[in-house]
Amino acid sequence: MSGFELARELRAARPDVLIVLTSGYLRKEDQETAEAMDIRDLILKPNTVEELGSALDRIFQTQRVSQGTSR
């Protein structure tokens, strides 16, 4: 199962879950697919814990702003 297939299954079961995918190779089509599926971020492998943490922080901050809440 690819990451996009897993994301589709997860989205069907839990539409409220925020999804971040990592991949060793990202094509333009992958970015377009991720955007269409409301995947919050695509991170290129290899990645570090810091890169993943930064992506999650951006996503959660955006979520807080859109919900009108603060830390």
C-alpha atoms as a PDB file:
ATOM      1  CA  MET A   1       0.000   0.000   0.000  1.00  0.00           C
ATOM      2  CA  SER A   2       1.386   3.398  -0.931  1.00  0.00           C
ATOM      3  CA  GLY A   3       1.306   6.409   1.350  1.00  0.00           C
ATOM      4  CA  PHE A   4      -1.507   7.921  -0.706  1.00  0.00           C
ATOM      5  CA  GLU A   5      -3.521   4.705  -0.483  1.00  0.00           C
ATOM      6  CA  LEU A   6      -3.015   4.647   3.275  1.00  0.00           C
ATOM      7  CA  ALA A   7      -4.028   8.310   3.474  1.00  0.00           C
ATOM      8  CA  ARG A   8      -7.241   7.546   1.531  1.00  0.00           C
ATOM      9  CA  GLU A   9      -8.110   4.697   3.899  1.00  0.00           C
ATOM     10  CA  LEU A  10      -7.323   6.811   6.948  1.00  0.00           C
ATOM     11  CA  ARG A  11      -9.340   9.736   5.579  1.00  0.00           C
ATOM     12  CA  ALA A  12     -12.321   7.400   4.977  1.00  0.00           C
ATOM     13  CA  ALA A  13     -12.162   6.100   8.549  1.00  0.00           C
ATOM     14  CA  ARG A  14     -11.224   9.363  10.278  1.00  0.00           C
ATOM     15  CA  PRO A  15     -11.812  12.476   8.147  1.00  0.00           C
ATOM     16  CA  ASP A  16     -10.710  14.738  11.015  1.00  0.00           C
ATOM     17  CA  VAL A  17      -7.134  13.377  11.222  1.00  0.00           C
ATOM     18  CA  LEU A  18      -4.335  15.614   9.939  1.00  0.00           C
ATOM     19  CA  ILE A  19      -2.040  13.733   7.561  1.00  0.00           C
ATOM     20  CA  VAL A  20       1.654  14.282   6.813  1.00  0.00           C
ATOM     21  CA  LEU A  21       3.453  12.019   4.316  1.00  0.00           C
ATOM     22  CA  THR A  22       7.142  11.386   3.881  1.00  0.00           C
ATOM     23  CA  SER A  23       8.665  10.078   0.673  1.00  0.00           C
ATOM     24  CA  GLY A  24      12.047   9.463  -0.860  1.00  0.00           C
ATOM     25  CA  TYR A  25      10.882  10.929  -4.157  1.00  0.00           C
ATOM     26  CA  LEU A  26       8.265  13.602  -4.751  1.00  0.00           C
ATOM     27  CA  ARG A  27       6.948  14.412  -8.191  1.00  0.00           C
ATOM     28  CA  LYS A  28       4.823  17.419  -9.114  1.00  0.00           C
ATOM     29  CA  GLU A  29       1.847  15.051  -9.436  1.00  0.00           C
ATOM     30  CA  ASP A  30       2.437  13.869  -5.858  1.00  0.00           C
ATOM     31  CA  GLN A  31       2.241  17.433  -4.590  1.00  0.00           C
ATOM     32  CA  GLU A  32      -0.969  18.004  -6.546  1.00  0.00           C
ATOM     33  CA  THR A  33      -2.466  14.746  -5.246  1.00  0.00           C
ATOM     34  CA  ALA A  34      -1.527  15.643  -1.674  1.00  0.00           C
ATOM     35  CA  GLU A  35      -3.143  19.054  -2.005  1.00  0.00           C
ATOM     36  CA  ALA A  36      -6.323  17.562  -3.473  1.00  0.00           C
ATOM     37  CA  MET A  37      -6.467  15.053  -0.590  1.00  0.00           C
ATOM     38  CA  ASP A  38      -5.894  17.781   2.040  1.00  0.00           C
ATOM     39  CA  ILE A  39      -2.621  16.190   3.134  1.00  0.00           C
ATOM     40  CA  ARG A  40      -1.035  18.861   5.275  1.00  0.00           C
ATOM     41  CA  ASP A  41       2.605  18.388   4.299  1.00  0.00           C
ATOM     42  CA  LEU A  42       4.946  16.273   2.201  1.00  0.00           C
ATOM     43  CA  ILE A  43       8.406  15.787   3.652  1.00  0.00           C
ATOM     44  CA  LEU A  44      11.294  14.482   1.560  1.00  0.00           C
ATOM     45  CA  LYS A  45      13.308  11.556   2.958  1.00  0.00           C
ATOM     46  CA  PRO A  46      15.770  11.278   4.451  1.00  0.00           C
ATOM     47  CA  ASN A  47      14.541  13.692   7.069  1.00  0.00           C
ATOM     48  CA  THR A  48      15.492  14.556  10.591  1.00  0.00           C
ATOM     49  CA  VAL A  49      13.444  14.664  13.756  1.00  0.00           C
ATOM     50  CA  GLU A  50      13.832  18.440  13.622  1.00  0.00           C
ATOM     51  CA  GLU A  51      12.355  18.631  10.104  1.00  0.00           C
ATOM     52  CA  LEU A  52       9.412  16.473  11.102  1.00  0.00           C
ATOM     53  CA  GLY A  53       8.934  18.483  14.304  1.00  0.00           C
ATOM     54  CA  SER A  54       8.972  21.762  12.360  1.00  0.00           C
ATOM     55  CA  ALA A  55       6.380  20.447   9.920  1.00  0.00           C
ATOM     56  CA  LEU A  56       4.111  19.317  12.759  1.00  0.00           C
ATOM     57  CA  ASP A  57       4.542  22.644  14.563  1.00  0.00           C
ATOM     58  CA  ARG A  58       3.536  24.555  11.397  1.00  0.00           C
ATOM     59  CA  ILE A  59       0.493  22.345  10.935  1.00  0.00           C
ATOM     60  CA  PHE A  60      -0.671  22.615  14.543  1.00  0.00           C
ATOM     61  CA  GLN A  61      -0.152  26.381  14.585  1.00  0.00           C
ATOM     62  CA  THR A  62      -2.170  26.737  11.379  1.00  0.00           C
ATOM     63  CA  GLN A  63      -4.877  24.552  12.917  1.00  0.00           C
ATOM     64  CA  ARG A  64      -4.999  26.714  16.063  1.00  0.00           C
ATOM     65  CA  VAL A  65      -5.281  29.915  14.040  1.00  0.00           C
ATOM     66  CA  SER A  66      -8.061  28.505  11.861  1.00  0.00           C
ATOM     67  CA  GLN A  67      -9.945  27.387  14.975  1.00  0.00           C
ATOM     68  CA  GLY A  68      -9.381  30.711  16.720  1.00  0.00           C
ATOM     69  CA  THR A  69      -7.463  29.219  19.642  1.00  0.00           C
ATOM     70  CA  SER A  70      -4.040  29.933  21.017  1.00  0.00           C
ATOM     71  CA  ARG A  71      -1.396  27.831  22.740  1.00  0.00           C
END
